[in-house]
Structures are given as C-alpha cells and as structure tokens.
C-alpha cells in the first residue's frame, strides 16, 4: 500500500511540475508578445503624430497659396497632380485658424 501512495505522489508531483513548467512557458511567450505589441504601438503613435504635424504644415502651405489668390483647383494644378481637390480641401481645413485669410 505504501508503494501505491508513493507512486501516486510521484505522479502528482510530476504532473504539478509539468503544469508549472507549461504555465511558465505560456507566461514567457505572453510577455514576449506584449513587448512586441508595445513596441509596435509606440511606433504607430509616433508615426501618427508625425503625420498629423506634416498634414498641418501642408494645410498651412495651402492656406498661404490661397492667400496669394489661388483657388483650391489652382493649388492642385501647382502641385502637378501630387494632391487631389478633396485632399487639398481637407488639408486646408487643418491649418490653424490664425493662418487663414
């Protein structure tokens, strides 16, 4: 009977150790994934802020062109097709209020 109890305890101990090892492996994998996702999130936020700043600069440039008497279709023509009327309108609306004519 003692051998049976000892055998059962060995099985339980081995099962517990295997479960603990599996949990540790899962936690390590999750931690690594979280680090990758954190890094990607930071890259995304920086890129979005840079994009926003550049779009505001573009809007200010468009507003300067409008101040010179150009129309939005003229702005599109002056950019040689690098923008569309829809995009130029959107960007012009991003310019700070004090820069508008």
N, C-alpha and C. Protein backbone atom coordinates (compact mmCIF):
# COMPACT_ATOMS: atom_id res chain seq x y z
N UNK A 1 0.82 -1.19 0.00
CA UNK A 1 0.00 0.00 0.00
C UNK A 1 0.86 1.24 0.00
N UNK A 2 1.97 1.21 0.69
CA UNK A 2 2.86 2.36 0.74
C UNK A 2 3.44 2.64 -0.63
N UNK A 3 3.74 1.58 -1.36
CA UNK A 3 4.26 1.77 -2.72
C UNK A 3 3.23 2.47 -3.61
N UNK A 4 1.97 2.14 -3.43
CA UNK A 4 0.92 2.76 -4.23
C UNK A 4 0.83 4.24 -3.92
N UNK A 5 0.87 4.59 -2.61
CA UNK A 5 0.80 6.00 -2.24
C UNK A 5 2.02 6.75 -2.75
N UNK A 6 3.16 6.17 -2.64
CA UNK A 6 4.38 6.80 -3.11
C UNK A 6 4.33 6.99 -4.61
N UNK A 7 3.82 6.00 -5.31
CA UNK A 7 3.67 6.10 -6.76
C UNK A 7 2.69 7.19 -7.16
N UNK A 8 1.58 7.28 -6.41
CA UNK A 8 0.60 8.32 -6.70
C UNK A 8 1.18 9.71 -6.43
N UNK A 9 1.95 9.82 -5.35
CA UNK A 9 2.57 11.10 -5.03
C UNK A 9 3.58 11.50 -6.11
N UNK A 10 4.31 10.54 -6.62
CA UNK A 10 5.27 10.81 -7.69
C UNK A 10 4.56 11.29 -8.95
N UNK A 11 3.44 10.64 -9.25
CA UNK A 11 2.67 11.04 -10.43
C UNK A 11 2.14 12.46 -10.24
N UNK A 12 1.59 12.74 -9.04
CA UNK A 12 1.08 14.09 -8.77
C UNK A 12 2.20 15.12 -8.85
N UNK A 13 3.33 14.81 -8.25
CA UNK A 13 4.46 15.74 -8.27
C UNK A 13 4.92 16.00 -9.70
N UNK A 14 5.02 14.97 -10.50
CA UNK A 14 5.44 15.13 -11.90
C UNK A 14 4.41 15.93 -12.68
N UNK A 15 3.12 15.66 -12.43
CA UNK A 15 2.07 16.40 -13.12
C UNK A 15 2.09 17.87 -12.72
N UNK A 16 2.27 18.13 -11.43
CA UNK A 16 2.33 19.51 -10.94
C UNK A 16 3.52 20.24 -11.56
N UNK A 17 4.66 19.59 -11.60
CA UNK A 17 5.86 20.20 -12.19
C UNK A 17 5.65 20.48 -13.68
N UNK A 18 5.00 19.56 -14.38
CA UNK A 18 4.73 19.76 -15.80
C UNK A 18 3.76 20.93 -16.00
N UNK A 19 2.75 21.01 -15.14
CA UNK A 19 1.80 22.12 -15.24
C UNK A 19 2.48 23.45 -14.96
N UNK A 20 3.31 23.50 -13.95
CA UNK A 20 4.04 24.73 -13.61
C UNK A 20 4.96 25.13 -14.75
N UNK A 21 5.63 24.17 -15.35
CA UNK A 21 6.54 24.46 -16.48
C UNK A 21 5.75 24.97 -17.67
N UNK A 22 4.58 24.38 -17.92
CA UNK A 22 3.75 24.83 -19.05
C UNK A 22 3.25 26.25 -18.81
N UNK A 23 2.84 26.55 -17.59
CA UNK A 23 2.38 27.90 -17.26
C UNK A 23 3.51 28.92 -17.40
N UNK A 24 4.69 28.56 -16.95
CA UNK A 24 5.84 29.46 -17.05
C UNK A 24 6.17 29.74 -18.52
N UNK A 25 6.11 28.69 -19.34
CA UNK A 25 6.38 28.86 -20.77
C UNK A 25 5.34 29.78 -21.40
N UNK A 26 4.06 29.59 -21.06
CA UNK A 26 2.99 30.43 -21.59
C UNK A 26 3.17 31.88 -21.14
N UNK A 27 3.51 32.10 -19.87
CA UNK A 27 3.73 33.46 -19.37
C UNK A 27 4.90 34.12 -20.08
N UNK A 28 5.97 33.38 -20.33
CA UNK A 28 7.13 33.93 -21.03
C UNK A 28 6.76 34.30 -22.47
N UNK A 29 6.00 33.45 -23.14
CA UNK A 29 5.57 33.75 -24.50
C UNK A 29 4.66 34.97 -24.53
N UNK A 30 3.76 35.07 -23.57
CA UNK A 30 2.86 36.22 -23.49
C UNK A 30 3.64 37.50 -23.22
N UNK A 31 4.64 37.43 -22.36
CA UNK A 31 5.46 38.61 -22.05
C UNK A 31 6.22 39.07 -23.30
N UNK A 32 6.75 38.14 -24.06
CA UNK A 32 7.47 38.49 -25.29
C UNK A 32 6.53 39.12 -26.31
N UNK A 33 5.35 38.56 -26.44
CA UNK A 33 4.35 39.11 -27.36
C UNK A 33 3.97 40.52 -26.92
N UNK A 34 3.76 40.72 -25.62
CA UNK A 34 3.40 42.03 -25.11
C UNK A 34 4.49 43.06 -25.40
N UNK A 35 5.75 42.65 -25.30
CA UNK A 35 6.86 43.57 -25.63
C UNK A 35 6.81 43.96 -27.10
N UNK A 36 6.54 42.99 -27.97
CA UNK A 36 6.46 43.29 -29.41
C UNK A 36 5.28 44.22 -29.71
N UNK A 37 4.15 43.95 -29.08
CA UNK A 37 2.97 44.78 -29.31
C UNK A 37 3.20 46.19 -28.77
N UNK A 38 3.81 46.32 -27.60
CA UNK A 38 4.15 47.63 -27.03
C UNK A 38 5.05 48.43 -27.99
N UNK A 39 6.06 47.78 -28.52
CA UNK A 39 6.97 48.45 -29.45
C UNK A 39 6.23 48.90 -30.71
N UNK A 40 5.37 48.05 -31.23
CA UNK A 40 4.61 48.41 -32.43
C UNK A 40 3.64 49.56 -32.13
N UNK A 41 3.03 49.56 -30.95
CA UNK A 41 2.11 50.64 -30.57
C UNK A 41 2.85 51.98 -30.48
N UNK A 42 4.03 51.96 -29.92
CA UNK A 42 4.83 53.19 -29.83
C UNK A 42 5.19 53.69 -31.22
N UNK A 43 5.62 52.80 -32.08
CA UNK A 43 5.94 53.18 -33.47
C UNK A 43 4.72 53.78 -34.15
N UNK A 44 3.57 53.18 -33.96
CA UNK A 44 2.34 53.67 -34.56
C UNK A 44 1.99 55.07 -34.06
N UNK A 45 2.04 55.28 -32.75
CA UNK A 45 1.70 56.57 -32.18
C UNK A 45 2.64 57.66 -32.69
N UNK A 46 3.93 57.37 -32.73
CA UNK A 46 4.90 58.35 -33.24
C UNK A 46 4.61 58.66 -34.70
N UNK A 47 4.36 57.65 -35.50
CA UNK A 47 4.07 57.86 -36.93
C UNK A 47 2.81 58.70 -37.12
N UNK A 48 1.78 58.43 -36.31
CA UNK A 48 0.55 59.21 -36.43
C UNK A 48 0.77 60.67 -36.05
N UNK A 49 1.55 60.91 -35.00
CA UNK A 49 1.83 62.29 -34.60
C UNK A 49 2.65 63.00 -35.67
N UNK A 50 3.63 62.29 -36.24
CA UNK A 50 4.44 62.89 -37.31
C UNK A 50 3.55 63.21 -38.52
N UNK A 51 2.67 62.28 -38.87
CA UNK A 51 1.76 62.51 -39.98
C UNK A 51 0.88 63.73 -39.73
N UNK A 52 0.34 63.83 -38.52
CA UNK A 52 -0.52 64.96 -38.18
C UNK A 52 0.24 66.28 -38.31
N UNK A 53 1.47 66.31 -37.82
CA UNK A 53 2.28 67.53 -37.91
C UNK A 53 2.55 67.90 -39.37
N UNK A 54 2.86 66.90 -40.19
CA UNK A 54 3.12 67.16 -41.61
C UNK A 54 1.85 67.62 -42.32
N UNK A 55 0.72 67.05 -41.97
CA UNK A 55 -0.53 67.47 -42.60
C UNK A 55 -0.88 68.91 -42.22
N UNK A 56 -0.58 69.29 -40.98
CA UNK A 56 -0.82 70.68 -40.58
C UNK A 56 0.10 71.62 -41.36
N UNK A 57 1.35 71.21 -41.56
CA UNK A 57 2.27 72.02 -42.37
C UNK A 57 1.75 72.15 -43.79
N UNK A 58 1.27 71.06 -44.35
CA UNK A 58 0.73 71.10 -45.72
C UNK A 58 -0.49 72.02 -45.77
N UNK A 59 -1.34 71.96 -44.76
CA UNK A 59 -2.50 72.83 -44.71
C UNK A 59 -2.11 74.30 -44.64
N UNK A 60 -1.09 74.60 -43.87
CA UNK A 60 -0.60 75.97 -43.77
C UNK A 60 -0.05 76.43 -45.11
N UNK A 61 0.65 75.55 -45.82
CA UNK A 61 1.17 75.89 -47.15
C UNK A 61 0.03 76.16 -48.13
N UNK A 62 -1.00 75.33 -48.06
CA UNK A 62 -2.15 75.54 -48.94
C UNK A 62 -2.82 76.87 -48.61
N UNK A 63 -2.97 77.16 -47.33
CA UNK A 63 -3.58 78.43 -46.94
C UNK A 63 -2.74 79.62 -47.43
N UNK A 64 -1.42 79.48 -47.42
CA UNK A 64 -0.55 80.55 -47.94
C UNK A 64 -0.79 80.75 -49.43
N UNK A 65 -0.98 79.64 -50.16
CA UNK A 65 -1.26 79.74 -51.59
C UNK A 65 -2.61 80.39 -51.84
N UNK A 66 -3.60 80.05 -50.98
CA UNK A 66 -4.93 80.66 -51.11
C UNK A 66 -4.86 82.15 -50.81
N UNK A 67 -4.03 82.52 -49.85
CA UNK A 67 -3.85 83.93 -49.51
C UNK A 67 -3.27 84.71 -50.69
N UNK A 68 -2.49 84.03 -51.49
CA UNK A 68 -1.90 84.65 -52.69
C UNK A 68 -2.90 84.76 -53.83
N UNK A 69 -4.13 84.32 -53.59
CA UNK A 69 -5.17 84.47 -54.60
C UNK A 69 -5.48 83.22 -55.39
N UNK A 70 -4.81 82.13 -55.11
CA UNK A 70 -5.10 80.89 -55.82
C UNK A 70 -6.39 80.27 -55.28
N UNK A 71 -7.00 79.45 -56.08
CA UNK A 71 -8.15 78.65 -55.65
C UNK A 71 -7.64 77.25 -55.36
N UNK A 72 -8.49 76.45 -54.74
CA UNK A 72 -8.07 75.07 -54.48
C UNK A 72 -7.76 74.31 -55.77
N UNK A 73 -8.55 74.46 -56.85
CA UNK A 73 -8.14 73.80 -58.10
C UNK A 73 -6.78 74.31 -58.60
N UNK A 74 -6.47 75.59 -58.37
CA UNK A 74 -5.15 76.11 -58.74
C UNK A 74 -4.05 75.41 -57.92
N UNK A 75 -4.32 75.20 -56.63
CA UNK A 75 -3.35 74.52 -55.76
C UNK A 75 -3.06 73.13 -56.31
N UNK A 76 -4.11 72.43 -56.71
CA UNK A 76 -3.94 71.09 -57.28
C UNK A 76 -3.09 71.17 -58.54
N UNK A 77 -3.35 72.14 -59.37
CA UNK A 77 -2.56 72.30 -60.60
C UNK A 77 -1.11 72.61 -60.28
N UNK A 78 -0.86 73.48 -59.29
CA UNK A 78 0.51 73.84 -58.91
C UNK A 78 1.29 72.67 -58.33
N UNK A 79 0.59 71.68 -57.80
CA UNK A 79 1.28 70.51 -57.25
C UNK A 79 1.47 69.41 -58.28
N UNK A 80 1.10 69.69 -59.51
CA UNK A 80 1.30 68.75 -60.62
C UNK A 80 0.73 67.36 -60.33
N UNK A 81 -0.47 67.35 -59.76
CA UNK A 81 -1.13 66.07 -59.53
C UNK A 81 -0.69 65.33 -58.29
N UNK A 82 0.13 65.96 -57.42
CA UNK A 82 0.56 65.29 -56.20
C UNK A 82 -0.53 65.29 -55.13
N UNK A 83 -1.60 66.04 -55.38
CA UNK A 83 -2.74 66.05 -54.47
C UNK A 83 -4.02 66.10 -55.29
N UNK A 84 -5.11 65.89 -54.63
CA UNK A 84 -6.42 65.98 -55.28
C UNK A 84 -7.17 67.15 -54.67
N UNK A 85 -8.25 67.55 -55.30
CA UNK A 85 -9.06 68.63 -54.77
C UNK A 85 -9.61 68.26 -53.39
N UNK A 86 -10.04 67.02 -53.26
CA UNK A 86 -10.58 66.54 -51.98
C UNK A 86 -9.51 66.62 -50.89
N UNK A 87 -8.31 66.14 -51.19
CA UNK A 87 -7.23 66.16 -50.20
C UNK A 87 -6.78 67.58 -49.89
N UNK A 88 -6.68 68.43 -50.90
CA UNK A 88 -6.28 69.82 -50.68
C UNK A 88 -7.29 70.54 -49.79
N UNK A 89 -8.55 70.27 -50.01
CA UNK A 89 -9.60 70.87 -49.18
C UNK A 89 -9.46 70.40 -47.73
N UNK A 90 -9.27 69.11 -47.56
CA UNK A 90 -9.11 68.55 -46.20
C UNK A 90 -7.89 69.15 -45.51
N UNK A 91 -6.78 69.22 -46.22
CA UNK A 91 -5.56 69.76 -45.63
C UNK A 91 -5.70 71.25 -45.31
N UNK A 92 -6.35 71.99 -46.19
CA UNK A 92 -6.54 73.42 -45.94
C UNK A 92 -7.35 73.64 -44.67
N UNK A 93 -8.28 72.74 -44.40
CA UNK A 93 -9.10 72.84 -43.19
C UNK A 93 -8.31 72.54 -41.92
N UNK A 94 -7.14 71.90 -42.06
CA UNK A 94 -6.31 71.58 -40.89
C UNK A 94 -5.44 72.75 -40.44
N UNK A 95 -5.27 73.74 -41.30
CA UNK A 95 -4.41 74.87 -40.95
C UNK A 95 -4.96 75.60 -39.74
N UNK A 96 -4.09 76.05 -38.85
CA UNK A 96 -4.56 76.80 -37.69
C UNK A 96 -5.36 78.01 -38.10
N UNK A 97 -6.33 78.39 -37.32
CA UNK A 97 -7.25 79.50 -37.65
C UNK A 97 -6.53 80.80 -37.91
N UNK A 98 -5.48 81.12 -37.16
CA UNK A 98 -4.80 82.41 -37.34
C UNK A 98 -4.07 82.50 -38.69
N UNK A 99 -3.81 81.36 -39.33
CA UNK A 99 -3.12 81.37 -40.63
C UNK A 99 -4.09 81.56 -41.79
N UNK A 100 -5.37 81.51 -41.52
CA UNK A 100 -6.37 81.61 -42.61
C UNK A 100 -6.60 83.06 -42.99
N UNK A 101 -6.90 83.29 -44.28
CA UNK A 101 -7.17 84.65 -44.73
C UNK A 101 -8.48 85.19 -44.20
